[in-house]
Amino acid sequence: MTMPEQTPETFRNQLTQARERVDHVLDEILTTLPFAATDMGKAMHYGALLGGKRLRPFLVYATGEMFGVTAENLDAPAAAIECIHAYSLIHDDLPAMDDDTLRRGKPTCHVAFGEANAILAGDALQTQAFAILAARPMPDVRPQDRLAMIAELADAAGLGGMCGGQALDLAAEGKNIGIHALEQIHNHKTGALIRASVRMGAMSAGEAGYAVLPALDTYAQAIGLAFQVQDDILDVIGHTDVIGKSQGSDAAHGKSTYPSLLGLKAAQDKAQALYQESLAALSQLEEHHYNTATLRELANFVIERNS
């Protein structure tokens, strides 16, 4: 995946190329696993390749390639982060959690394959992520940087990251919580994996990547929160057939959201402020002569998307 002169059309092409590339890698891995033909194996494949923007793999590719790392070296972290994301969605949709029947416009995994297979498919996708990071070839990545990626993903997916955020989210259902508590939920539930995507892309470049991690962390935190704010906005103004899930599901579950706490206009203003924060962070990278055009366009995409 190259980084040509950036235009909205170029960006959309890059997003498509990244999605097709990581989907090919995931398909290759998941169809060659033992028991791939069982209902559980099919549920894994279904959950991982159900569709979606592949935002997290795209961030891995875009960040790594900003440092001159080739896509071949980035396939492992890109596929690994999507396995974690897919498992989280499968489990998030379960009756014991959000009890959703629609994901990306299609039946959720437990609806299609049964609750037991969905639970096991999520479990197996989680462990598969670390198998990919540990063993898939990354010819130009140092062993210590591969190990750092494994630790990064484990931290981002666990109690101090995504799972902790999901637990906070469930505990907050039906309760009146403040903006600070809401941001804590989203910085963990959604933001942790987005931040890990950017960080693993940088880690693939070794010392050059580590040197600018503070600016990249600021960028990732801003777009991660902006992504969730926009999700909350779409739950209010989006259409089910466009957003791919039931419109109004947050309100139905008694969840606090940015529009419910701030009002729709203030929530939209919040998304714009986070967008500007992300651009300011990228300006620091430009001082080191990095081409941030793709990451800038990605930030714009996050707050302009309608699905």
Protein backbone atom coordinates (compact mmCIF):
# COMPACT_ATOMS: atom_id res chain seq x y z
CA MET A 1 0.00 0.00 0.00
CA THR A 2 1.65 3.24 -1.15
CA MET A 3 1.17 6.80 0.00
CA PRO A 4 0.49 8.88 -3.14
CA GLU A 5 -0.51 12.54 -3.11
CA GLN A 6 -3.53 12.70 -0.86
CA THR A 7 -7.04 13.43 -2.09
CA PRO A 8 -10.36 12.14 -0.73
CA GLU A 9 -10.48 9.63 -3.60
CA THR A 10 -6.91 8.52 -2.89
CA PHE A 11 -7.79 8.04 0.76
CA ARG A 12 -10.88 5.97 -0.07
CA ASN A 13 -8.72 3.81 -2.34
CA GLN A 14 -6.17 3.33 0.44
CA LEU A 15 -8.93 2.37 2.86
CA THR A 16 -10.25 -0.17 0.36
CA GLN A 17 -6.77 -1.58 -0.31
CA ALA A 18 -6.06 -1.97 3.40
CA ARG A 19 -9.42 -3.67 3.98
CA GLU A 20 -8.91 -6.07 1.10
CA ARG A 21 -5.36 -6.83 2.20
CA VAL A 22 -6.17 -7.60 5.83
CA ASP A 23 -9.29 -9.56 4.81
CA HIS A 24 -7.13 -11.70 2.54
CA VAL A 25 -4.68 -12.34 5.39
CA LEU A 26 -7.50 -13.19 7.82
CA ASP A 27 -9.22 -15.47 5.31
CA GLU A 28 -5.94 -17.30 4.64
CA ILE A 29 -5.32 -17.80 8.36
CA LEU A 30 -8.84 -18.74 9.44
CA THR A 31 -9.58 -21.16 6.60
CA THR A 32 -6.43 -23.17 7.28
CA LEU A 33 -6.93 -23.60 11.03
CA PRO A 34 -7.73 -27.05 12.46
CA PHE A 35 -11.50 -27.52 12.66
CA ALA A 36 -12.10 -24.56 10.33
CA ALA A 37 -15.04 -26.44 8.78
CA THR A 38 -16.88 -26.88 12.09
CA ASP A 39 -19.68 -24.55 13.16
CA MET A 40 -17.29 -22.86 15.59
CA GLY A 41 -14.68 -22.41 12.86
CA LYS A 42 -17.32 -20.97 10.56
CA ALA A 43 -18.47 -18.65 13.34
CA MET A 44 -14.89 -17.36 13.72
CA HIS A 45 -14.67 -16.69 10.00
CA TYR A 46 -18.12 -15.07 9.95
CA GLY A 47 -17.35 -12.80 12.90
CA ALA A 48 -13.95 -11.73 11.58
CA LEU A 49 -15.02 -11.18 7.97
CA LEU A 50 -18.53 -9.84 8.44
CA GLY A 51 -17.55 -6.52 6.89
CA GLY A 52 -16.70 -3.16 8.36
CA LYS A 53 -14.29 -0.34 7.65
CA ARG A 54 -11.18 -2.07 9.06
CA LEU A 55 -10.20 1.22 10.72
CA ARG A 56 -7.78 -0.41 13.15
CA PRO A 57 -5.80 -2.40 10.54
CA PHE A 58 -5.76 0.71 8.37
CA LEU A 59 -4.16 2.65 11.22
CA VAL A 60 -1.48 -0.03 11.56
CA TYR A 61 -0.67 0.16 7.84
CA ALA A 62 -0.87 3.95 7.60
CA THR A 63 1.30 4.57 10.66
CA GLY A 64 3.92 1.97 9.75
CA GLU A 65 4.16 3.14 6.16
CA MET A 66 4.66 6.72 7.34
CA PHE A 67 8.01 5.42 8.64
CA GLY A 68 8.76 3.53 5.42
CA VAL A 69 7.78 0.08 6.74
CA THR A 70 6.37 -2.21 4.03
CA ALA A 71 2.90 -3.73 4.20
CA GLU A 72 4.42 -7.23 4.39
CA ASN A 73 5.85 -6.32 7.78
CA LEU A 74 2.54 -4.86 8.94
CA ASP A 75 0.18 -7.70 8.02
CA ALA A 76 0.66 -9.46 11.36
CA PRO A 77 -0.24 -6.56 13.67
CA ALA A 78 -3.04 -5.49 11.29
CA ALA A 79 -4.63 -8.96 11.33
CA ALA A 80 -4.03 -9.38 15.06
CA ILE A 81 -5.78 -6.15 16.01
CA GLU A 82 -8.77 -7.06 13.82
CA CYS A 83 -9.03 -10.47 15.49
CA ILE A 84 -9.26 -8.74 18.87
CA HIS A 85 -11.79 -6.24 17.54
CA ALA A 86 -13.90 -8.99 15.95
CA TYR A 87 -13.92 -11.06 19.14
CA SER A 88 -14.99 -8.01 21.14
CA LEU A 89 -17.92 -7.36 18.81
CA ILE A 90 -19.06 -11.00 18.92
CA HIS A 91 -19.07 -10.94 22.71
CA ASP A 92 -20.51 -7.41 22.92
CA ASP A 93 -23.56 -8.54 20.93
CA LEU A 94 -24.31 -11.52 23.20
CA PRO A 95 -27.57 -11.64 25.19
CA ALA A 96 -25.65 -11.21 28.46
CA MET A 97 -24.17 -7.93 27.20
CA ASP A 98 -25.85 -5.70 24.59
CA ASP A 99 -28.16 -8.43 23.25
CA ASP A 100 -28.01 -7.15 19.65
CA THR A 101 -29.33 -9.11 16.69
CA LEU A 102 -27.84 -6.97 13.92
CA ARG A 103 -24.18 -6.21 13.19
CA ARG A 104 -23.04 -4.46 10.00
CA GLY A 105 -26.45 -5.09 8.53
CA LYS A 106 -26.29 -8.86 9.08
CA PRO A 107 -27.37 -11.24 11.86
CA THR A 108 -24.99 -11.16 14.79
CA CYS A 109 -22.74 -14.17 15.32
CA HIS A 110 -24.81 -15.74 18.10
CA VAL A 111 -27.97 -15.36 16.02
CA ALA A 112 -26.31 -17.05 13.03
CA PHE A 113 -24.42 -19.82 14.85
CA GLY A 114 -25.83 -20.09 18.36
CA GLU A 115 -24.67 -18.57 21.61
CA ALA A 116 -22.17 -21.29 22.55
CA ASN A 117 -20.39 -21.17 19.20
CA ALA A 118 -20.29 -17.38 19.33
CA ILE A 119 -18.66 -17.41 22.77
CA LEU A 120 -16.09 -19.97 21.69
CA ALA A 121 -15.44 -18.16 18.38
CA GLY A 122 -14.70 -14.97 20.29
CA ASP A 123 -12.40 -16.82 22.67
CA ALA A 124 -10.51 -18.40 19.77
CA LEU A 125 -10.17 -15.14 17.83
CA GLN A 126 -8.64 -13.54 20.92
CA THR A 127 -5.96 -16.20 21.24
CA GLN A 128 -5.46 -16.28 17.46
CA ALA A 129 -4.42 -12.63 17.58
CA PHE A 130 -1.41 -13.46 19.70
CA ALA A 131 -0.53 -16.51 17.62
CA ILE A 132 -0.41 -14.23 14.57
CA LEU A 133 1.76 -11.64 16.29
CA ALA A 134 4.11 -14.29 17.65
CA ALA A 135 4.59 -16.38 14.50
CA ARG A 136 3.60 -14.63 11.26
CA PRO A 137 6.65 -13.40 9.31
CA MET A 138 7.70 -9.78 9.83
CA PRO A 139 11.00 -9.91 7.96
CA ASP A 140 12.28 -6.43 8.81
CA VAL A 141 10.92 -6.10 12.35
CA ARG A 142 13.26 -6.67 15.28
CA PRO A 143 12.31 -9.47 17.73
CA GLN A 144 12.16 -6.99 20.62
CA ASP A 145 9.69 -4.86 18.68
CA ARG A 146 7.52 -7.89 17.91
CA LEU A 147 7.54 -8.68 21.65
CA ALA A 148 6.60 -5.07 22.42
CA MET A 149 3.62 -5.37 20.06
CA ILE A 150 2.42 -8.51 21.85
CA ALA A 151 2.59 -6.71 25.21
CA GLU A 152 0.90 -3.63 23.74
CA LEU A 153 -2.03 -5.62 22.35
CA ALA A 154 -2.45 -7.62 25.56
CA ASP A 155 -2.59 -4.42 27.62
CA ALA A 156 -5.01 -2.75 25.21
CA ALA A 157 -7.36 -5.74 25.14
CA GLY A 158 -7.42 -6.51 28.87
CA LEU A 159 -8.76 -5.12 32.12
CA GLY A 160 -6.78 -1.89 31.75
CA GLY A 161 -8.07 -1.42 28.21
CA MET A 162 -10.99 -2.67 26.15
CA CYS A 163 -12.42 -5.27 28.55
CA GLY A 164 -12.24 -2.86 31.47
CA GLY A 165 -14.02 -0.25 29.36
CA GLN A 166 -16.74 -2.74 28.43
CA ALA A 167 -17.23 -3.60 32.10
CA LEU A 168 -17.54 0.09 32.98
CA ASP A 169 -20.01 0.51 30.13
CA LEU A 170 -22.20 -2.34 31.36
CA ALA A 171 -22.08 -1.06 34.94
CA ALA A 172 -23.22 2.39 33.76
CA GLU A 173 -26.37 1.16 31.96
CA GLY A 174 -29.50 2.77 33.36
CA LYS A 175 -27.47 5.18 35.49
CA ASN A 176 -26.83 8.90 35.22
CA ILE A 177 -23.09 9.32 34.77
CA GLY A 178 -21.06 12.44 34.03
CA ILE A 179 -18.89 13.35 31.07
CA HIS A 180 -15.68 12.34 32.87
CA ALA A 181 -17.00 8.84 33.54
CA LEU A 182 -18.27 8.56 29.97
CA GLU A 183 -14.88 9.54 28.58
CA GLN A 184 -13.19 7.00 30.84
CA ILE A 185 -15.46 4.29 29.40
CA HIS A 186 -14.76 5.24 25.81
CA ASN A 187 -11.04 5.87 26.22
CA HIS A 188 -10.81 2.24 27.30
CA LYS A 189 -13.60 0.45 25.43
CA THR A 190 -12.96 2.03 22.02
CA GLY A 191 -9.84 4.14 22.39
CA ALA A 192 -7.50 1.44 23.71
CA LEU A 193 -7.52 -0.62 20.49
CA ILE A 194 -7.28 2.46 18.28
CA ARG A 195 -4.28 3.64 20.29
CA ALA A 196 -2.72 0.16 20.09
CA SER A 197 -3.17 0.15 16.31
CA VAL A 198 -1.19 3.36 15.96
CA ARG A 199 1.43 2.29 18.47
CA MET A 200 2.02 -1.12 16.85
CA GLY A 201 2.43 0.58 13.47
CA ALA A 202 5.07 2.83 15.02
CA MET A 203 6.77 -0.04 16.86
CA SER A 204 7.31 -1.82 13.55
CA ALA A 205 9.76 0.96 12.67
CA GLY A 206 11.89 0.48 15.78
CA GLU A 207 13.59 3.49 17.35
CA ALA A 208 12.19 6.01 14.85
CA GLY A 209 8.68 5.01 15.88
CA TYR A 210 9.34 5.06 19.60
CA ALA A 211 10.79 8.57 19.31
CA VAL A 212 7.46 10.10 18.31
CA LEU A 213 5.08 7.91 20.33
CA PRO A 214 3.93 10.84 22.56
CA ALA A 215 2.55 12.76 19.56
CA LEU A 216 1.05 9.59 18.10
CA ASP A 217 -0.59 8.77 21.43
CA THR A 218 -2.23 12.21 21.51
CA TYR A 219 -3.44 11.75 17.95
CA ALA A 220 -4.79 8.26 18.64
CA GLN A 221 -6.56 9.27 21.83
CA ALA A 222 -8.25 12.19 20.05
CA ILE A 223 -9.50 10.16 17.08
CA GLY A 224 -10.46 7.24 19.33
CA LEU A 225 -12.73 9.46 21.41
CA ALA A 226 -13.98 11.28 18.30
CA PHE A 227 -14.92 7.92 16.80
CA GLN A 228 -17.09 7.12 19.81
CA VAL A 229 -18.65 10.58 19.93
CA GLN A 230 -19.60 10.17 16.27
CA ASP A 231 -20.98 6.69 17.03
CA ASP A 232 -23.21 8.25 19.70
CA ILE A 233 -24.33 10.94 17.26
CA LEU A 234 -25.15 8.36 14.58
CA ASP A 235 -27.22 6.39 17.09
CA VAL A 236 -29.44 9.47 17.27
CA ILE A 237 -29.48 10.72 13.66
CA GLY A 238 -28.34 7.70 11.64
CA HIS A 239 -30.50 5.20 9.79
CA THR A 240 -30.44 1.49 10.62
CA ASP A 241 -29.89 0.47 6.99
CA VAL A 242 -26.85 2.80 6.77
CA ILE A 243 -25.18 2.36 10.18
CA GLY A 244 -25.68 -1.43 10.06
CA LYS A 245 -27.12 -1.77 13.55
CA SER A 246 -30.39 -0.87 15.20
CA GLN A 247 -30.76 2.91 15.35
CA GLY A 248 -31.54 4.08 18.88
CA SER A 249 -30.04 0.98 20.53
CA ASP A 250 -28.03 3.08 23.02
CA ALA A 251 -31.17 4.78 24.31
CA ALA A 252 -32.97 1.42 24.42
CA HIS A 253 -30.23 0.05 26.71
CA GLY A 254 -30.31 3.10 28.96
CA LYS A 255 -26.78 4.13 28.04
CA SER A 256 -25.39 7.58 28.69
CA THR A 257 -24.06 9.10 25.47
CA TYR A 258 -22.57 12.42 24.42
CA PRO A 259 -25.84 13.64 22.86
CA SER A 260 -27.84 12.58 25.93
CA LEU A 261 -25.46 14.38 28.31
CA LEU A 262 -24.48 17.40 26.21
CA GLY A 263 -27.17 17.69 23.58
CA LEU A 264 -26.69 16.89 19.89
CA LYS A 265 -25.10 20.21 18.87
CA ALA A 266 -22.60 20.19 21.74
CA ALA A 267 -21.72 16.56 20.93
CA GLN A 268 -21.03 17.56 17.32
CA ASP A 269 -18.87 20.44 18.58
CA LYS A 270 -16.98 17.97 20.79
CA ALA A 271 -16.20 15.80 17.77
CA GLN A 272 -14.87 18.84 15.91
CA ALA A 273 -12.69 19.87 18.86
CA LEU A 274 -11.19 16.38 19.02
CA TYR A 275 -10.54 16.53 15.28
CA GLN A 276 -8.57 19.75 15.73
CA GLU A 277 -6.64 18.17 18.62
CA SER A 278 -5.65 15.27 16.38
CA LEU A 279 -4.39 17.66 13.68
CA ALA A 280 -2.31 19.57 16.22
CA ALA A 281 -0.63 16.32 17.27
CA LEU A 282 0.17 15.48 13.65
CA SER A 283 1.78 18.90 13.22
CA GLN A 284 4.44 17.75 15.69
CA LEU A 285 5.23 14.80 13.42
CA GLU A 286 5.50 17.10 10.42
CA GLU A 287 8.25 18.98 12.24
CA HIS A 288 10.21 15.72 11.97
CA HIS A 289 9.47 15.67 8.21
CA TYR A 290 6.97 12.80 8.29
CA ASN A 291 4.18 12.76 5.71
CA THR A 292 0.99 12.75 7.80
CA ALA A 293 -1.47 13.24 4.92
CA THR A 294 -3.07 9.81 5.33
CA LEU A 295 -3.47 10.13 9.09
CA ARG A 296 -4.96 13.61 8.60
CA GLU A 297 -7.48 12.28 6.11
CA LEU A 298 -8.31 9.42 8.47
CA ALA A 299 -9.10 11.92 11.25
CA ASN A 300 -11.44 13.74 8.89
CA PHE A 301 -13.07 10.44 7.91
CA VAL A 302 -13.76 9.55 11.55
CA ILE A 303 -15.94 12.59 12.16
CA GLU A 304 -17.51 12.81 8.69
CA ARG A 305 -18.59 9.16 8.43
CA ASN A 306 -22.27 8.24 8.40
CA SER A 307 -21.89 4.55 9.29
